[in-house]
Amino acid sequence: MKIELPYKIVLRPYQSDVWNMFDKFKRFVMVRHRRAGKDKVSLQLLIRGAFERVGVYYYVFPEYAQGRKIFWDWIDKDGFRNIDHLPKAMVASMNEHEMKITFVNWSIIQVVGTDRKIDNVVGTNPVWVVFSEYSIQNPTWWNLIRPILNENWGWAMFIYTPRGKNHWWDLCDMAKRNDKWFVSIKTVDDTTDWEGKRVLWQNQIDDELESWMTQDLVDQEYYCSFEASIQGAYYSIQMREARESNRITKIPIEEGLEVNTYWDLGVDDSTAIRFTQQIGKEVRMIDYYENNWEGLAFYVELLKKKGYFYGMHYLPHDVEVVELGTGKSRYQTLKELGIWNIKTVPRPRLKEHAIDAVRRMLKYCWFDEVRCELGVEALKSYHKVYDEKRKAFSKVPKHDWSSHWADAFSYLAIMVEKDLTTVVKETKARRTFMNPLTGEMITR
């Protein structure tokens, strides 16, 4: 049986450029305006790849639930679901629960989310990964998957609509200067059918502008502008000022100066640790680490390997909650593992208070541009939830990959603002601590 690809879809001119470059590149950046059909052409490329090379192919979304909504269950205006564009004769089985498609040649296409454990993906040795809406994804995933794809000559495709100058913009800027990457940016002025008719007419965009969209959002969503700040971002002004005043740079680690840590705890969710050195009001972000699905012993071992001269470890209030499974709190567990200098950060009465404390604190902060790159991007991306029904932003922060850094940062802001003088005195007081290299307990 002869099967033609793309299947049950005629690619438009602006979709054909990426399709035609399939054999010439292994790295693709596809920036498209809203409703340009970027996921449909990406799926067809995955199908094409799956039958030219047997392997595991992942379609990655910021959230697993989003993948089900946008990729698996989504229906277009013609009544087609994305999975209706799969040639049935090529499919051996479909697991709807896992959103996993197995082809007759044993290639696999599966939908995953960056809010799940990445080890489940890395261990399968993927040969092609599509990052959908990469501008709001955790960039850690690409950093971990990239070496695998480089080793097995695999493909990577990034598709998105801009969300300010975050990690997405950095990737696109790099790709434009790299002849091994294919970059395709199409605004509403560039997307037409084979008869030259626009996919979206100007009056449709004008209606959006008149009803609820700001001009910045129109420029971002329909004209692929990176200049607009992330809509609803809490710290966009402060982070822009940090960049402009060169406070995001290479930060030396001062030997002999204590390193304090600030934690946001998780188990099936991410745990984030920020490493800082403080001189007066100047707070230096020298390092950052984030992981998930690991126990406290893993992070204690990490602290030892870092080899810093530790001062205090600041943890959120829930570290003192007794767990039903163990009968003890994580505070007790950490002390048993050798972390003695723990201080609990009180829970802010309102989330808005913590956010305001961060805004005030950011003007005193310096960030190491390499070790804290992920954290910087997280602070730039941390934003409010958008209510589609009300067409307005709520007061609730979006819980996504950026929230762990932002929450850990709020503990720092709360403690420093609460009593800077006390914090400075505590770093000079005698106390017991663990030598991170030998595990020996020392009092000084």
Protein backbone atom coordinates (compact mmCIF):
# COMPACT_ATOMS: atom_id res chain seq x y z
CA MET A 1 0.00 0.00 0.00
CA LYS A 2 1.31 3.40 -0.99
CA ILE A 3 0.90 6.13 1.63
CA GLU A 4 1.69 9.75 0.89
CA LEU A 5 3.01 12.08 3.51
CA PRO A 6 1.92 14.58 4.71
CA TYR A 7 -1.22 12.54 5.43
CA LYS A 8 -4.68 14.09 5.01
CA ILE A 9 -3.23 17.58 4.97
CA VAL A 10 -1.97 19.88 2.24
CA LEU A 11 0.87 21.96 3.58
CA ARG A 12 0.64 25.66 2.91
CA PRO A 13 3.63 27.58 1.53
CA TYR A 14 4.73 28.80 4.94
CA GLN A 15 4.61 25.23 6.27
CA SER A 16 6.48 23.71 3.35
CA ASP A 17 9.81 25.41 4.07
CA VAL A 18 10.46 23.32 7.18
CA TRP A 19 9.21 20.14 5.48
CA ASN A 20 11.55 20.66 2.53
CA MET A 21 14.56 21.08 4.85
CA PHE A 22 14.04 17.73 6.57
CA ASP A 23 17.07 16.07 4.93
CA LYS A 24 19.37 19.09 5.23
CA PHE A 25 19.18 20.00 8.93
CA LYS A 26 18.83 18.32 12.30
CA ARG A 27 18.02 21.43 14.31
CA PHE A 28 14.92 23.49 13.58
CA VAL A 29 13.43 26.65 15.05
CA MET A 30 9.90 27.44 13.91
CA VAL A 31 8.43 30.69 15.21
CA ARG A 32 4.80 31.11 14.23
CA HIS A 33 1.94 33.38 15.12
CA ARG A 34 -1.13 32.13 16.90
CA ARG A 35 -3.37 29.73 14.90
CA ALA A 36 -0.75 29.10 12.23
CA GLY A 37 -1.02 25.29 12.48
CA LYS A 38 2.54 24.72 13.70
CA ASP A 39 1.70 21.52 15.58
CA LYS A 40 0.20 19.85 12.51
CA VAL A 41 3.30 20.19 10.38
CA SER A 42 5.50 19.15 13.31
CA LEU A 43 3.51 15.93 13.74
CA GLN A 44 3.90 15.14 10.04
CA LEU A 45 7.64 15.58 10.35
CA LEU A 46 7.69 13.18 13.30
CA ILE A 47 5.73 10.60 11.30
CA ARG A 48 8.13 10.99 8.39
CA GLY A 49 11.10 10.56 10.67
CA ALA A 50 9.57 7.56 12.43
CA PHE A 51 9.40 5.63 9.18
CA GLU A 52 12.77 6.62 7.85
CA ARG A 53 14.52 5.72 11.11
CA VAL A 54 13.27 3.39 13.83
CA GLY A 55 13.40 5.04 17.23
CA VAL A 56 11.60 6.92 19.99
CA TYR A 57 10.07 10.29 19.07
CA TYR A 58 8.83 12.68 21.74
CA TYR A 59 6.41 15.57 21.45
CA VAL A 60 7.12 17.70 24.51
CA PHE A 61 4.71 20.23 26.04
CA PRO A 62 5.22 22.51 29.07
CA GLU A 63 2.65 20.42 30.96
CA TYR A 64 1.49 16.84 30.46
CA ALA A 65 -2.16 17.87 30.72
CA GLN A 66 -1.56 20.54 28.08
CA GLY A 67 -0.25 17.87 25.73
CA ARG A 68 -3.49 15.94 26.06
CA LYS A 69 -5.59 19.04 25.50
CA ILE A 70 -3.65 20.51 22.59
CA PHE A 71 -2.22 17.47 20.86
CA TRP A 72 -4.33 14.42 21.64
CA ASP A 73 -7.87 15.76 22.12
CA TRP A 74 -7.74 18.91 20.02
CA ILE A 75 -10.21 19.22 17.12
CA ASP A 76 -9.76 21.76 14.33
CA LYS A 77 -12.48 23.74 12.58
CA ASP A 78 -12.88 20.96 10.00
CA GLY A 79 -13.54 18.33 12.67
CA PHE A 80 -10.09 16.70 12.47
CA ARG A 81 -8.10 15.67 15.50
CA ASN A 82 -4.31 15.64 15.29
CA ILE A 83 -4.29 11.87 15.55
CA ASP A 84 -6.60 11.69 12.53
CA HIS A 85 -3.54 12.74 10.51
CA LEU A 86 -1.79 9.48 11.41
CA PRO A 87 -1.83 6.95 8.54
CA LYS A 88 -3.86 4.12 10.06
CA ALA A 89 -2.02 1.46 8.02
CA MET A 90 1.23 2.54 9.70
CA VAL A 91 -0.10 2.31 13.27
CA ALA A 92 0.33 -0.93 15.20
CA SER A 93 -1.24 0.33 18.45
CA MET A 94 -2.37 3.47 20.24
CA ASN A 95 -2.31 3.85 24.02
CA GLU A 96 -4.61 6.76 24.79
CA HIS A 97 -3.83 6.76 28.52
CA GLU A 98 -0.08 7.21 27.90
CA MET A 99 -0.60 9.19 24.66
CA LYS A 100 1.72 6.72 22.98
CA ILE A 101 1.61 5.58 19.34
CA THR A 102 3.54 2.49 18.21
CA PHE A 103 4.09 2.01 14.47
CA VAL A 104 4.37 -1.24 12.56
CA ASN A 105 8.14 -0.80 12.30
CA TRP A 106 8.33 -0.39 16.14
CA SER A 107 9.00 3.34 16.10
CA ILE A 108 7.19 5.18 18.90
CA ILE A 109 5.71 8.68 19.09
CA GLN A 110 4.70 9.81 22.56
CA VAL A 111 3.41 13.02 24.11
CA VAL A 112 5.16 14.07 27.35
CA GLY A 113 5.31 17.14 29.60
CA THR A 114 8.24 18.95 31.18
CA ASP A 115 6.32 18.93 34.47
CA ARG A 116 7.04 15.19 34.71
CA LYS A 117 10.30 13.43 35.61
CA ILE A 118 12.82 13.83 32.79
CA ASP A 119 14.58 10.54 33.62
CA ASN A 120 11.63 8.74 32.03
CA VAL A 121 12.58 10.39 28.73
CA VAL A 122 16.37 10.53 28.92
CA GLY A 123 16.65 6.81 29.62
CA THR A 124 14.84 5.89 26.40
CA ASN A 125 17.45 7.40 24.06
CA PRO A 126 15.13 9.51 21.84
CA VAL A 127 16.10 10.26 18.24
CA TRP A 128 13.74 13.18 17.66
CA VAL A 129 12.23 15.66 20.12
CA VAL A 130 9.73 18.39 19.33
CA PHE A 131 9.50 21.13 21.98
CA SER A 132 6.08 22.74 21.58
CA GLU A 133 5.66 26.19 23.19
CA TYR A 134 9.30 26.08 24.23
CA SER A 135 9.13 29.72 25.35
CA ILE A 136 7.17 28.62 28.44
CA GLN A 137 9.00 25.33 29.01
CA ASN A 138 11.69 24.45 31.50
CA PRO A 139 14.95 24.89 29.49
CA THR A 140 16.63 22.22 31.64
CA TRP A 141 15.03 19.57 29.45
CA TRP A 142 16.88 20.70 26.34
CA ASN A 143 20.16 20.90 28.24
CA LEU A 144 19.79 17.26 29.32
CA ILE A 145 18.46 15.87 26.04
CA ARG A 146 20.89 17.72 23.77
CA PRO A 147 23.91 15.44 24.48
CA ILE A 148 21.80 12.37 23.66
CA LEU A 149 20.66 13.77 20.32
CA ASN A 150 24.19 14.89 19.48
CA GLU A 151 25.51 11.39 20.13
CA ASN A 152 22.90 9.52 18.09
CA TRP A 153 22.58 12.12 15.30
CA GLY A 154 19.02 12.87 16.34
CA TRP A 155 16.73 15.77 15.46
CA ALA A 156 15.33 18.59 17.60
CA MET A 157 12.58 21.02 16.67
CA PHE A 158 11.46 24.04 18.68
CA ILE A 159 8.10 25.59 17.87
CA TYR A 160 6.56 28.51 19.66
CA THR A 161 5.13 31.99 19.72
CA PRO A 162 7.44 34.54 21.42
CA ARG A 163 7.08 35.30 25.13
CA GLY A 164 9.53 38.13 25.60
CA LYS A 165 13.32 37.88 25.60
CA ASN A 166 13.71 34.73 27.61
CA HIS A 167 15.53 31.44 26.90
CA TRP A 168 13.48 31.06 23.72
CA TRP A 169 14.84 34.33 22.37
CA ASP A 170 18.39 33.31 23.32
CA LEU A 171 17.99 30.02 21.42
CA CYS A 172 16.54 31.73 18.36
CA ASP A 173 19.30 34.35 18.35
CA MET A 174 21.95 31.62 18.53
CA ALA A 175 20.26 29.58 15.79
CA LYS A 176 20.20 32.54 13.39
CA ARG A 177 23.99 32.73 13.63
CA ASN A 178 24.56 28.98 13.30
CA ASP A 179 24.53 27.49 9.80
CA LYS A 180 23.65 24.08 11.27
CA TRP A 181 20.27 25.35 12.37
CA PHE A 182 17.24 26.11 10.19
CA VAL A 183 15.21 29.07 11.41
CA SER A 184 11.79 29.97 10.07
CA ILE A 185 9.90 32.98 11.47
CA LYS A 186 6.48 33.74 10.01
CA THR A 187 4.10 36.51 11.07
CA VAL A 188 0.50 36.98 9.89
CA ASP A 189 1.89 38.94 6.95
CA ASP A 190 3.80 35.84 5.82
CA THR A 191 1.18 33.12 6.20
CA THR A 192 -0.97 32.65 3.13
CA ASP A 193 -2.53 29.70 1.35
CA TRP A 194 -1.60 28.55 -2.16
CA GLU A 195 -3.95 31.18 -3.63
CA GLY A 196 -2.21 33.95 -1.75
CA LYS A 197 -5.04 34.47 0.75
CA ARG A 198 -4.03 35.34 4.29
CA VAL A 199 -4.64 32.79 7.03
CA LEU A 200 -5.75 35.60 9.34
CA TRP A 201 -7.18 38.82 8.01
CA GLN A 202 -6.40 42.22 9.46
CA ASN A 203 -10.00 42.78 10.56
CA GLN A 204 -9.76 39.64 12.74
CA ILE A 205 -6.71 41.06 14.48
CA ASP A 206 -8.38 44.46 14.83
CA ASP A 207 -11.34 42.78 16.52
CA GLU A 208 -8.99 41.23 19.07
CA LEU A 209 -7.33 44.58 19.69
CA GLU A 210 -10.64 46.35 20.18
CA SER A 211 -12.08 43.71 22.48
CA TRP A 212 -9.33 42.78 24.98
CA MET A 213 -5.81 42.50 23.58
CA THR A 214 -3.13 45.10 24.21
CA GLN A 215 -0.96 46.26 21.33
CA ASP A 216 2.04 44.52 22.95
CA LEU A 217 0.14 41.25 23.01
CA VAL A 218 -0.99 41.65 19.39
CA ASP A 219 2.61 42.30 18.36
CA GLN A 220 3.72 39.21 20.26
CA GLU A 221 0.96 36.79 19.25
CA TYR A 222 0.49 37.79 15.61
CA TYR A 223 3.70 39.56 14.58
CA CYS A 224 6.16 37.36 16.52
CA SER A 225 7.69 40.26 18.42
CA PHE A 226 10.19 39.42 21.14
CA GLU A 227 10.22 42.99 22.41
CA ALA A 228 7.03 42.80 24.48
CA SER A 229 7.48 41.69 28.08
CA ILE A 230 5.95 38.39 29.11
CA GLN A 231 2.31 39.18 29.76
CA GLY A 232 1.56 39.20 33.47
CA ALA A 233 5.25 38.75 34.44
CA TYR A 234 5.86 39.87 38.00
CA TYR A 235 9.52 40.88 37.76
CA SER A 236 10.01 41.96 34.14
CA ILE A 237 10.95 45.56 35.04
CA GLN A 238 13.36 44.56 37.81
CA MET A 239 15.08 41.88 35.71
CA ARG A 240 15.48 44.26 32.79
CA GLU A 241 17.11 46.76 35.15
CA ALA A 242 19.43 44.03 36.45
CA ARG A 243 20.53 43.24 32.91
CA GLU A 244 20.97 46.89 31.92
CA SER A 245 23.03 47.64 35.04
CA ASN A 246 25.30 44.61 34.37
CA ARG A 247 24.23 42.77 37.53
CA ILE A 248 23.80 39.57 35.52
CA THR A 249 27.43 38.76 34.89
CA LYS A 250 30.27 36.48 35.99
CA ILE A 251 30.23 36.43 39.80
CA PRO A 252 33.39 35.25 41.62
CA ILE A 253 32.92 33.03 44.66
CA GLU A 254 34.60 34.64 47.67
CA GLU A 255 36.69 32.03 49.48
CA GLY A 256 36.11 32.11 53.24
CA LEU A 257 32.80 33.93 52.92
CA GLU A 258 29.88 31.84 54.07
CA VAL A 259 27.40 30.53 51.54
CA ASN A 260 23.75 30.56 52.60
CA THR A 261 21.16 28.39 50.89
CA TYR A 262 17.46 29.02 50.30
CA TRP A 263 15.22 26.07 49.49
CA ASP A 264 11.86 25.34 47.96
CA LEU A 265 11.01 21.73 48.85
CA GLY A 266 9.27 19.17 46.69
CA VAL A 267 9.07 15.41 46.23
CA ASP A 268 7.17 14.60 43.05
CA ASP A 269 7.48 18.33 42.39
CA SER A 270 10.80 20.14 41.95
CA THR A 271 13.13 21.05 44.80
CA ALA A 272 15.10 24.23 44.17
CA ILE A 273 18.16 25.42 46.10
CA ARG A 274 19.72 28.85 45.74
CA PHE A 275 23.30 29.46 46.92
CA THR A 276 24.14 33.03 47.96
CA GLN A 277 26.91 35.11 49.46
CA GLN A 278 26.01 38.37 51.13
CA ILE A 279 28.08 41.49 51.75
CA GLY A 280 26.00 44.13 53.50
CA LYS A 281 22.90 44.64 51.38
CA GLU A 282 24.56 43.17 48.29
CA VAL A 283 23.19 39.67 47.70
CA ARG A 284 25.17 37.58 45.23
CA MET A 285 23.45 34.63 43.55
CA ILE A 286 26.46 32.40 42.97
CA ASP A 287 24.81 29.06 42.19
CA TYR A 288 21.49 27.30 41.68
CA TYR A 289 20.32 23.72 41.58
CA GLU A 290 16.95 22.13 40.81
CA ASN A 291 15.78 18.53 40.56
CA ASN A 292 12.75 16.39 41.32
CA TRP A 293 11.79 12.92 42.46
CA GLU A 294 14.78 12.80 44.81
CA GLY A 295 14.91 12.39 48.59
CA LEU A 296 16.61 14.70 51.10
CA ALA A 297 19.71 12.48 51.27
CA PHE A 298 20.36 13.27 47.59
CA TYR A 299 20.42 17.03 48.24
CA VAL A 300 22.58 16.71 51.35
CA GLU A 301 25.12 14.78 49.28
CA LEU A 302 24.89 17.53 46.64
CA LEU A 303 25.80 20.15 49.25
CA LYS A 304 28.87 18.13 50.20
CA LYS A 305 29.97 17.80 46.58
CA LYS A 306 29.60 21.55 46.02
CA GLY A 307 32.24 22.05 48.72
CA TYR A 308 31.07 25.51 49.79
CA PHE A 309 31.72 26.96 53.25
CA TYR A 310 28.10 26.93 54.45
CA GLY A 311 26.43 29.38 56.79
CA MET A 312 22.67 29.05 57.24
CA HIS A 313 20.19 26.89 55.35
CA TYR A 314 16.82 28.63 55.01
CA LEU A 315 13.84 26.35 54.40
CA PRO A 316 10.09 26.99 54.07
CA HIS A 317 7.79 26.63 57.05
CA ASP A 318 6.42 23.23 55.95
CA VAL A 319 9.82 21.63 56.61
CA GLU A 320 8.61 21.22 60.21
CA VAL A 321 5.45 19.32 59.28
CA VAL A 322 5.51 15.73 60.52
CA GLU A 323 5.09 13.22 57.67
CA LEU A 324 2.66 10.38 58.26
CA GLY A 325 4.89 7.82 56.52
CA THR A 326 8.00 8.41 58.66
CA GLY A 327 6.57 9.94 61.82
CA LYS A 328 9.08 12.77 61.69
CA SER A 329 9.52 16.07 59.90
CA ARG A 330 11.91 16.82 57.08
CA TYR A 331 13.59 19.24 59.50
CA GLN A 332 14.46 16.25 61.72
CA THR A 333 15.58 14.20 58.73
CA LEU A 334 17.93 16.94 57.53
CA LYS A 335 19.51 17.24 60.98
CA GLU A 336 20.04 13.47 61.08
CA LEU A 337 21.76 13.76 57.69
CA GLY A 338 24.15 16.40 59.02
CA ILE A 339 22.46 19.70 58.12
CA TRP A 340 22.43 21.53 61.45
CA ASN A 341 22.22 25.23 60.67
CA ILE A 342 18.60 25.33 59.55
CA LYS A 343 16.35 28.33 59.90
CA THR A 344 12.67 28.14 59.03
CA VAL A 345 11.24 30.95 56.93
CA PRO A 346 7.78 32.01 58.16
CA ARG A 347 4.94 31.62 55.70
CA PRO A 348 3.92 34.98 54.20
CA ARG A 349 0.36 35.94 55.12
CA LEU A 350 -0.37 36.71 51.48
CA LYS A 351 1.44 35.67 48.29
CA GLU A 352 1.36 39.30 47.19
CA HIS A 353 3.48 40.26 50.20
CA ALA A 354 6.21 37.80 49.19
CA ILE A 355 6.12 39.06 45.59
CA ASP A 356 6.41 42.67 46.73
CA ALA A 357 9.36 41.73 48.96
CA VAL A 358 11.11 40.20 45.93
CA ARG A 359 10.51 43.32 43.86
CA ARG A 360 12.14 45.45 46.55
CA MET A 361 15.03 43.03 47.01
CA LEU A 362 15.98 42.58 43.33
CA LYS A 363 17.75 45.95 43.15
CA TYR A 364 20.37 44.58 45.58
CA CYS A 365 20.91 41.30 43.73
CA TRP A 366 23.70 40.11 41.45
CA PHE A 367 23.42 36.89 39.42
CA ASP A 368 26.09 34.62 38.01
CA GLU A 369 25.13 34.45 34.34
CA VAL A 370 26.25 30.82 33.92
CA ARG A 371 25.56 29.01 37.18
CA CYS A 372 22.30 30.88 37.73
CA GLU A 373 21.15 31.03 34.11
CA LEU A 374 18.07 28.89 34.76
CA GLY A 375 17.12 30.96 37.79
CA VAL A 376 17.42 34.22 35.88
CA GLU A 377 15.13 32.88 33.16
CA ALA A 378 12.68 31.69 35.81
CA LEU A 379 12.46 35.11 37.43
CA LYS A 380 11.84 36.65 34.02
CA SER A 381 9.14 34.07 33.25
CA TYR A 382 7.27 33.95 36.58
CA HIS A 383 3.82 35.30 35.80
CA LYS A 384 0.16 35.52 36.72
CA VAL A 385 -2.50 33.07 35.63
CA TYR A 386 -4.55 34.38 32.71
CA ASP A 387 -8.30 33.87 32.98
CA GLU A 388 -9.60 33.15 29.48
CA LYS A 389 -13.24 33.67 30.50
CA ARG A 390 -12.69 37.02 32.18
CA LYS A 391 -10.01 38.07 29.67
CA ALA A 392 -7.88 39.30 32.55
CA PHE A 393 -5.00 38.23 34.75
CA SER A 394 -5.85 36.83 38.17
CA LYS A 395 -3.88 37.47 41.36
CA VAL A 396 -2.72 33.85 41.41
CA PRO A 397 0.80 33.02 40.11
CA LYS A 398 1.06 30.36 37.43
CA HIS A 399 2.46 27.16 38.91
CA ASP A 400 4.97 26.00 36.32
CA TRP A 401 8.70 25.37 35.94
CA SER A 402 9.55 28.96 36.97
CA SER A 403 7.67 28.95 40.27
CA HIS A 404 10.24 26.91 42.24
CA TRP A 405 13.01 29.44 41.70
CA ALA A 406 10.60 32.30 42.38
CA ASP A 407 9.33 30.73 45.60
CA ALA A 408 12.85 30.00 46.85
CA PHE A 409 13.81 33.57 46.01
CA SER A 410 10.86 34.91 48.01
CA TYR A 411 12.22 33.18 51.13
CA LEU A 412 15.47 35.05 50.65
CA ALA A 413 13.66 38.37 50.21
CA ILE A 414 11.51 37.78 53.29
CA MET A 415 14.45 36.93 55.53
CA VAL A 416 16.71 39.73 54.37
CA GLU A 417 13.96 42.32 54.55
CA LYS A 418 12.72 41.07 57.91
CA ASP A 419 15.92 41.90 59.70
CA LEU A 420 19.05 42.47 57.64
CA THR A 421 21.07 43.37 60.72
CA THR A 422 20.15 40.11 62.46
CA VAL A 423 21.06 38.07 59.38
CA VAL A 424 24.48 39.72 59.22
CA LYS A 425 25.07 39.10 62.94
CA GLU A 426 24.10 35.44 62.59
CA THR A 427 26.80 34.88 60.00
CA LYS A 428 29.38 36.00 62.62
CA ALA A 429 27.96 34.01 65.56
CA ARG A 430 29.50 30.79 66.90
CA ARG A 431 27.65 27.70 65.77
CA THR A 432 28.12 24.09 64.77
CA PHE A 433 28.35 23.19 61.11
CA MET A 434 29.41 20.27 58.93
CA ASN A 435 32.61 20.36 56.90
CA PRO A 436 31.21 19.62 53.40
CA LEU A 437 34.33 17.74 52.35
CA THR A 438 34.93 15.51 55.39
CA GLY A 439 31.54 15.43 57.12
CA GLU A 440 33.29 16.47 60.39
CA MET A 441 31.24 18.60 62.81
CA ILE A 442 33.06 21.82 63.76
CA THR A 443 32.13 24.65 66.13
CA ARG A 444 33.36 28.16 65.45
